Amino acid sequence: MPGVVPGPSINGLSNATLPYIVKLADQGFAAAVAADKALALGVNTYQDKVTYQAVAEAFGLPYTPLKA
């Protein structure tokens, strides 16, 4: 329903994502992902490797666990 209530929708999205953006900016990618399991779960690819098993399986690609 974002088209019906664009203001509250963008506020909700911003409130949900801003803490992760701040962590990435303050700590850098590797440190932020290593320190935050939830953030690490959102990483699908890293350094030309598929780091999310379901994505790798869906596309028939090799899976490589994330090591940031």
PDB file of N, CA and C in Angstrom:
ATOM      1  N   MET A   1       0.787  -1.193   0.000  1.00  0.00           N
ATOM      2  CA  MET A   1       0.000   0.000   0.000  1.00  0.00           C
ATOM      3  C   MET A   1       0.842   1.276   0.000  1.00  0.00           C
ATOM      4  N   PRO A   2       2.115   1.221  -0.353  1.00  0.00           N
ATOM      5  CA  PRO A   2       2.918   2.439  -0.319  1.00  0.00           C
ATOM      6  C   PRO A   2       2.363   3.565  -1.168  1.00  0.00           C
ATOM      7  N   GLY A   3       1.692   3.263  -2.273  1.00  0.00           N
ATOM      8  CA  GLY A   3       1.149   4.307  -3.123  1.00  0.00           C
ATOM      9  C   GLY A   3       0.007   5.052  -2.482  1.00  0.00           C
ATOM     10  N   VAL A   4      -0.700   4.402  -1.575  1.00  0.00           N
ATOM     11  CA  VAL A   4      -1.846   5.014  -0.922  1.00  0.00           C
ATOM     12  C   VAL A   4      -1.399   5.921   0.230  1.00  0.00           C
ATOM     13  N   VAL A   5      -0.362   5.509   0.939  1.00  0.00           N
ATOM     14  CA  VAL A   5       0.128   6.278   2.087  1.00  0.00           C
ATOM     15  C   VAL A   5       1.655   6.430   1.977  1.00  0.00           C
ATOM     16  N   PRO A   6       2.112   7.222   1.004  1.00  0.00           N
ATOM     17  CA  PRO A   6       3.557   7.295   0.759  1.00  0.00           C
ATOM     18  C   PRO A   6       4.370   7.861   1.928  1.00  0.00           C
ATOM     19  N   GLY A   7       3.845   8.817   2.642  1.00  0.00           N
ATOM     20  CA  GLY A   7       4.590   9.413   3.763  1.00  0.00           C
ATOM     21  C   GLY A   7       4.885   8.396   4.859  1.00  0.00           C
ATOM     22  N   PRO A   8       3.863   7.772   5.416  1.00  0.00           N
ATOM     23  CA  PRO A   8       4.109   6.774   6.465  1.00  0.00           C
ATOM     24  C   PRO A   8       4.931   5.578   5.960  1.00  0.00           C
ATOM     25  N   SER A   9       4.776   5.218   4.695  1.00  0.00           N
ATOM     26  CA  SER A   9       5.534   4.085   4.153  1.00  0.00           C
ATOM     27  C   SER A   9       7.024   4.391   4.133  1.00  0.00           C
ATOM     28  N   ILE A  10       7.396   5.561   3.651  1.00  0.00           N
ATOM     29  CA  ILE A  10       8.812   5.908   3.588  1.00  0.00           C
ATOM     30  C   ILE A  10       9.373   6.111   4.982  1.00  0.00           C
ATOM     31  N   ASN A  11       8.578   6.624   5.906  1.00  0.00           N
ATOM     32  CA  ASN A  11       9.030   6.761   7.291  1.00  0.00           C
ATOM     33  C   ASN A  11       9.306   5.395   7.911  1.00  0.00           C
ATOM     34  N   GLY A  12       8.439   4.452   7.665  1.00  0.00           N
ATOM     35  CA  GLY A  12       8.634   3.100   8.191  1.00  0.00           C
ATOM     36  C   GLY A  12       9.879   2.447   7.619  1.00  0.00           C
ATOM     37  N   LEU A  13      10.074   2.589   6.313  1.00  0.00           N
ATOM     38  CA  LEU A  13      11.259   2.029   5.674  1.00  0.00           C
ATOM     39  C   LEU A  13      12.528   2.684   6.212  1.00  0.00           C
ATOM     40  N   SER A  14      12.510   3.979   6.349  1.00  0.00           N
ATOM     41  CA  SER A  14      13.673   4.698   6.881  1.00  0.00           C
ATOM     42  C   SER A  14      13.982   4.276   8.312  1.00  0.00           C
ATOM     43  N   ASN A  15      12.962   4.163   9.129  1.00  0.00           N
ATOM     44  CA  ASN A  15      13.168   3.761  10.527  1.00  0.00           C
ATOM     45  C   ASN A  15      13.716   2.348  10.636  1.00  0.00           C
ATOM     46  N   ALA A  16      13.342   1.484   9.717  1.00  0.00           N
ATOM     47  CA  ALA A  16      13.810   0.101   9.755  1.00  0.00           C
ATOM     48  C   ALA A  16      15.235  -0.049   9.237  1.00  0.00           C
ATOM     49  N   THR A  17      15.622   0.752   8.252  1.00  0.00           N
ATOM     50  CA  THR A  17      16.932   0.571   7.619  1.00  0.00           C
ATOM     51  C   THR A  17      18.021   1.501   8.146  1.00  0.00           C
ATOM     52  N   LEU A  18      17.657   2.644   8.692  1.00  0.00           N
ATOM     53  CA  LEU A  18      18.658   3.614   9.118  1.00  0.00           C
ATOM     54  C   LEU A  18      19.669   3.065  10.128  1.00  0.00           C
ATOM     55  N   PRO A  19      19.261   2.288  11.127  1.00  0.00           N
ATOM     56  CA  PRO A  19      20.266   1.763  12.062  1.00  0.00           C
ATOM     57  C   PRO A  19      21.349   0.920  11.365  1.00  0.00           C
ATOM     58  N   TYR A  20      20.974   0.167  10.352  1.00  0.00           N
ATOM     59  CA  TYR A  20      21.956  -0.638   9.621  1.00  0.00           C
ATOM     60  C   TYR A  20      22.877   0.248   8.782  1.00  0.00           C
ATOM     61  N   ILE A  21      22.334   1.269   8.194  1.00  0.00           N
ATOM     62  CA  ILE A  21      23.138   2.194   7.391  1.00  0.00           C
ATOM     63  C   ILE A  21      24.161   2.904   8.278  1.00  0.00           C
ATOM     64  N   VAL A  22      23.736   3.299   9.461  1.00  0.00           N
ATOM     65  CA  VAL A  22      24.640   3.969  10.391  1.00  0.00           C
ATOM     66  C   VAL A  22      25.764   3.028  10.820  1.00  0.00           C
ATOM     67  N   LYS A  23      25.433   1.771  11.119  1.00  0.00           N
ATOM     68  CA  LYS A  23      26.461   0.793  11.486  1.00  0.00           C
ATOM     69  C   LYS A  23      27.469   0.616  10.361  1.00  0.00           C
ATOM     70  N   LEU A  24      26.975   0.472   9.142  1.00  0.00           N
ATOM     71  CA  LEU A  24      27.871   0.304   8.002  1.00  0.00           C
ATOM     72  C   LEU A  24      28.771   1.520   7.831  1.00  0.00           C
ATOM     73  N   ALA A  25      28.223   2.703   7.998  1.00  0.00           N
ATOM     74  CA  ALA A  25      29.005   3.930   7.839  1.00  0.00           C
ATOM     75  C   ALA A  25      30.031   4.096   8.960  1.00  0.00           C
ATOM     76  N   ASP A  26      29.642   3.778  10.175  1.00  0.00           N
ATOM     77  CA  ASP A  26      30.532   3.964  11.322  1.00  0.00           C
ATOM     78  C   ASP A  26      31.631   2.902  11.402  1.00  0.00           C
ATOM     79  N   GLN A  27      31.270   1.646  11.124  1.00  0.00           N
ATOM     80  CA  GLN A  27      32.187   0.539  11.357  1.00  0.00           C
ATOM     81  C   GLN A  27      32.847  -0.003  10.093  1.00  0.00           C
ATOM     82  N   GLY A  28      32.273   0.294   8.944  1.00  0.00           N
ATOM     83  CA  GLY A  28      32.734  -0.332   7.711  1.00  0.00           C
ATOM     84  C   GLY A  28      32.025  -1.663   7.529  1.00  0.00           C
ATOM     85  N   PHE A  29      32.029  -2.159   6.295  1.00  0.00           N
ATOM     86  CA  PHE A  29      31.258  -3.361   5.982  1.00  0.00           C
ATOM     87  C   PHE A  29      31.686  -4.567   6.809  1.00  0.00           C
ATOM     88  N   ALA A  30      32.959  -4.908   6.768  1.00  0.00           N
ATOM     89  CA  ALA A  30      33.434  -6.143   7.411  1.00  0.00           C
ATOM     90  C   ALA A  30      33.157  -6.148   8.909  1.00  0.00           C
ATOM     91  N   ALA A  31      33.470  -5.073   9.593  1.00  0.00           N
ATOM     92  CA  ALA A  31      33.263  -5.007  11.040  1.00  0.00           C
ATOM     93  C   ALA A  31      31.780  -5.011  11.398  1.00  0.00           C
ATOM     94  N   ALA A  32      30.979  -4.292  10.642  1.00  0.00           N
ATOM     95  CA  ALA A  32      29.539  -4.229  10.927  1.00  0.00           C
ATOM     96  C   ALA A  32      28.877  -5.584  10.741  1.00  0.00           C
ATOM     97  N   VAL A  33      29.233  -6.270   9.678  1.00  0.00           N
ATOM     98  CA  VAL A  33      28.642  -7.589   9.408  1.00  0.00           C
ATOM     99  C   VAL A  33      29.123  -8.615  10.434  1.00  0.00           C
ATOM    100  N   ALA A  34      30.377  -8.529  10.834  1.00  0.00           N
ATOM    101  CA  ALA A  34      30.905  -9.459  11.831  1.00  0.00           C
ATOM    102  C   ALA A  34      30.249  -9.251  13.195  1.00  0.00           C
ATOM    103  N   ALA A  35      29.890  -8.015  13.502  1.00  0.00           N
ATOM    104  CA  ALA A  35      29.324  -7.690  14.812  1.00  0.00           C
ATOM    105  C   ALA A  35      27.808  -7.842  14.880  1.00  0.00           C
ATOM    106  N   ASP A  36      27.130  -7.912  13.755  1.00  0.00           N
ATOM    107  CA  ASP A  36      25.659  -7.913  13.745  1.00  0.00           C
ATOM    108  C   ASP A  36      25.138  -9.074  12.907  1.00  0.00           C
ATOM    109  N   LYS A  37      24.659 -10.112  13.578  1.00  0.00           N
ATOM    110  CA  LYS A  37      24.169 -11.315  12.893  1.00  0.00           C
ATOM    111  C   LYS A  37      23.004 -10.979  11.954  1.00  0.00           C
ATOM    112  N   ALA A  38      22.115 -10.100  12.372  1.00  0.00           N
ATOM    113  CA  ALA A  38      20.972  -9.732  11.527  1.00  0.00           C
ATOM    114  C   ALA A  38      21.441  -9.062  10.244  1.00  0.00           C
ATOM    115  N   LEU A  39      22.432  -8.212  10.343  1.00  0.00           N
ATOM    116  CA  LEU A  39      22.977  -7.549   9.160  1.00  0.00           C
ATOM    117  C   LEU A  39      23.646  -8.570   8.250  1.00  0.00           C
ATOM    118  N   ALA A  40      24.381  -9.496   8.831  1.00  0.00           N
ATOM    119  CA  ALA A  40      25.052 -10.539   8.041  1.00  0.00           C
ATOM    120  C   ALA A  40      24.049 -11.401   7.276  1.00  0.00           C
ATOM    121  N   LEU A  41      22.891 -11.637   7.865  1.00  0.00           N
ATOM    122  CA  LEU A  41      21.874 -12.446   7.191  1.00  0.00           C
ATOM    123  C   LEU A  41      21.322 -11.766   5.943  1.00  0.00           C
ATOM    124  N   GLY A  42      21.506 -10.470   5.829  1.00  0.00           N
ATOM    125  CA  GLY A  42      21.022  -9.740   4.663  1.00  0.00           C
ATOM    126  C   GLY A  42      22.012  -9.686   3.514  1.00  0.00           C
ATOM    127  N   VAL A  43      23.196 -10.256   3.697  1.00  0.00           N
ATOM    128  CA  VAL A  43      24.213 -10.227   2.648  1.00  0.00           C
ATOM    129  C   VAL A  43      24.018 -11.439   1.740  1.00  0.00           C
ATOM    130  N   ASN A  44      23.681 -11.208   0.488  1.00  0.00           N
ATOM    131  CA  ASN A  44      23.468 -12.292  -0.475  1.00  0.00           C
ATOM    132  C   ASN A  44      24.711 -12.603  -1.283  1.00  0.00           C
ATOM    133  N   THR A  45      25.516 -11.596  -1.570  1.00  0.00           N
ATOM    134  CA  THR A  45      26.759 -11.791  -2.321  1.00  0.00           C
ATOM    135  C   THR A  45      27.848 -10.931  -1.690  1.00  0.00           C
ATOM    136  N   TYR A  46      29.082 -11.417  -1.809  1.00  0.00           N
ATOM    137  CA  TYR A  46      30.220 -10.657  -1.300  1.00  0.00           C
ATOM    138  C   TYR A  46      31.467 -11.141  -2.020  1.00  0.00           C
ATOM    139  N   GLN A  47      32.220 -10.234  -2.552  1.00  0.00           N
ATOM    140  CA  GLN A  47      33.459 -10.518  -3.275  1.00  0.00           C
ATOM    141  C   GLN A  47      33.247 -11.586  -4.354  1.00  0.00           C
ATOM    142  N   ASP A  48      32.251 -11.374  -5.195  1.00  0.00           N
ATOM    143  CA  ASP A  48      31.931 -12.235  -6.332  1.00  0.00           C
ATOM    144  C   ASP A  48      31.511 -13.651  -5.953  1.00  0.00           C
ATOM    145  N   LYS A  49      31.043 -13.851  -4.726  1.00  0.00           N
ATOM    146  CA  LYS A  49      30.575 -15.159  -4.283  1.00  0.00           C
ATOM    147  C   LYS A  49      29.159 -15.022  -3.730  1.00  0.00           C
ATOM    148  N   VAL A  50      28.348 -16.066  -3.908  1.00  0.00           N
ATOM    149  CA  VAL A  50      27.000 -16.082  -3.355  1.00  0.00           C
ATOM    150  C   VAL A  50      27.106 -16.573  -1.916  1.00  0.00           C
ATOM    151  N   THR A  51      26.710 -15.723  -0.971  1.00  0.00           N
ATOM    152  CA  THR A  51      26.887 -16.018   0.448  1.00  0.00           C
ATOM    153  C   THR A  51      25.580 -16.363   1.158  1.00  0.00           C
ATOM    154  N   TYR A  52      24.525 -16.506   0.400  1.00  0.00           N
ATOM    155  CA  TYR A  52      23.226 -16.883   0.965  1.00  0.00           C
ATOM    156  C   TYR A  52      22.803 -18.171   0.285  1.00  0.00           C
ATOM    157  N   GLN A  53      22.685 -19.224   1.072  1.00  0.00           N
ATOM    158  CA  GLN A  53      22.492 -20.558   0.512  1.00  0.00           C
ATOM    159  C   GLN A  53      21.245 -20.678  -0.357  1.00  0.00           C
ATOM    160  N   ALA A  54      20.140 -20.123   0.065  1.00  0.00           N
ATOM    161  CA  ALA A  54      18.907 -20.222  -0.716  1.00  0.00           C
ATOM    162  C   ALA A  54      19.048 -19.546  -2.080  1.00  0.00           C
ATOM    163  N   VAL A  55      19.749 -18.438  -2.143  1.00  0.00           N
ATOM    164  CA  VAL A  55      19.971 -17.743  -3.415  1.00  0.00           C
ATOM    165  C   VAL A  55      20.854 -18.596  -4.320  1.00  0.00           C
ATOM    166  N   ALA A  56      21.905 -19.176  -3.762  1.00  0.00           N
ATOM    167  CA  ALA A  56      22.795 -20.035  -4.549  1.00  0.00           C
ATOM    168  C   ALA A  56      22.027 -21.222  -5.127  1.00  0.00           C
ATOM    169  N   GLU A  57      21.207 -21.844  -4.305  1.00  0.00           N
ATOM    170  CA  GLU A  57      20.423 -22.998  -4.766  1.00  0.00           C
ATOM    171  C   GLU A  57      19.418 -22.588  -5.833  1.00  0.00           C
ATOM    172  N   ALA A  58      18.777 -21.450  -5.651  1.00  0.00           N
ATOM    173  CA  ALA A  58      17.767 -20.996  -6.606  1.00  0.00           C
ATOM    174  C   ALA A  58      18.360 -20.754  -7.990  1.00  0.00           C
ATOM    175  N   PHE A  59      19.607 -20.311  -8.029  1.00  0.00           N
ATOM    176  CA  PHE A  59      20.234 -19.999  -9.310  1.00  0.00           C
ATOM    177  C   PHE A  59      21.251 -21.047  -9.758  1.00  0.00           C
ATOM    178  N   GLY A  60      21.364 -22.133  -9.000  1.00  0.00           N
ATOM    179  CA  GLY A  60      22.291 -23.185  -9.371  1.00  0.00           C
ATOM    180  C   GLY A  60      23.741 -22.747  -9.316  1.00  0.00           C
ATOM    181  N   LEU A  61      24.072 -21.917  -8.346  1.00  0.00           N
ATOM    182  CA  LEU A  61      25.430 -21.400  -8.193  1.00  0.00           C
ATOM    183  C   LEU A  61      26.070 -21.974  -6.937  1.00  0.00           C
ATOM    184  N   PRO A  62      27.388 -22.004  -6.895  1.00  0.00           N
ATOM    185  CA  PRO A  62      28.037 -22.495  -5.684  1.00  0.00           C
ATOM    186  C   PRO A  62      27.802 -21.550  -4.496  1.00  0.00           C
ATOM    187  N   TYR A  63      27.610 -22.139  -3.336  1.00  0.00           N
ATOM    188  CA  TYR A  63      27.405 -21.382  -2.099  1.00  0.00           C
ATOM    189  C   TYR A  63      28.720 -21.270  -1.354  1.00  0.00           C
ATOM    190  N   THR A  64      29.026 -20.071  -0.885  1.00  0.00           N
ATOM    191  CA  THR A  64      30.220 -19.816  -0.080  1.00  0.00           C
ATOM    192  C   THR A  64      29.774 -19.089   1.189  1.00  0.00           C
ATOM    193  N   PRO A  65      30.000 -19.661   2.354  1.00  0.00           N
ATOM    194  CA  PRO A  65      29.598 -18.969   3.593  1.00  0.00           C
ATOM    195  C   PRO A  65      30.275 -17.599   3.696  1.00  0.00           C
ATOM    196  N   LEU A  66      29.585 -16.659   4.278  1.00  0.00           N
ATOM    197  CA  LEU A  66      30.090 -15.291   4.405  1.00  0.00           C
ATOM    198  C   LEU A  66      31.243 -15.251   5.391  1.00  0.00           C
ATOM    199  N   LYS A  67      32.339 -14.684   4.923  1.00  0.00           N
ATOM    200  CA  LYS A  67      33.499 -14.424   5.796  1.00  0.00           C
ATOM    201  C   LYS A  67      33.964 -13.012   5.479  1.00  0.00           C
ATOM    202  N   ALA A  68      33.362 -12.049   6.149  1.00  0.00           N
ATOM    203  CA  ALA A  68      33.677 -10.641   5.883  1.00  0.00           C
ATOM    204  C   ALA A  68      34.926 -10.219   6.610  1.00  0.00           C
TER     205      ALA A  68
END
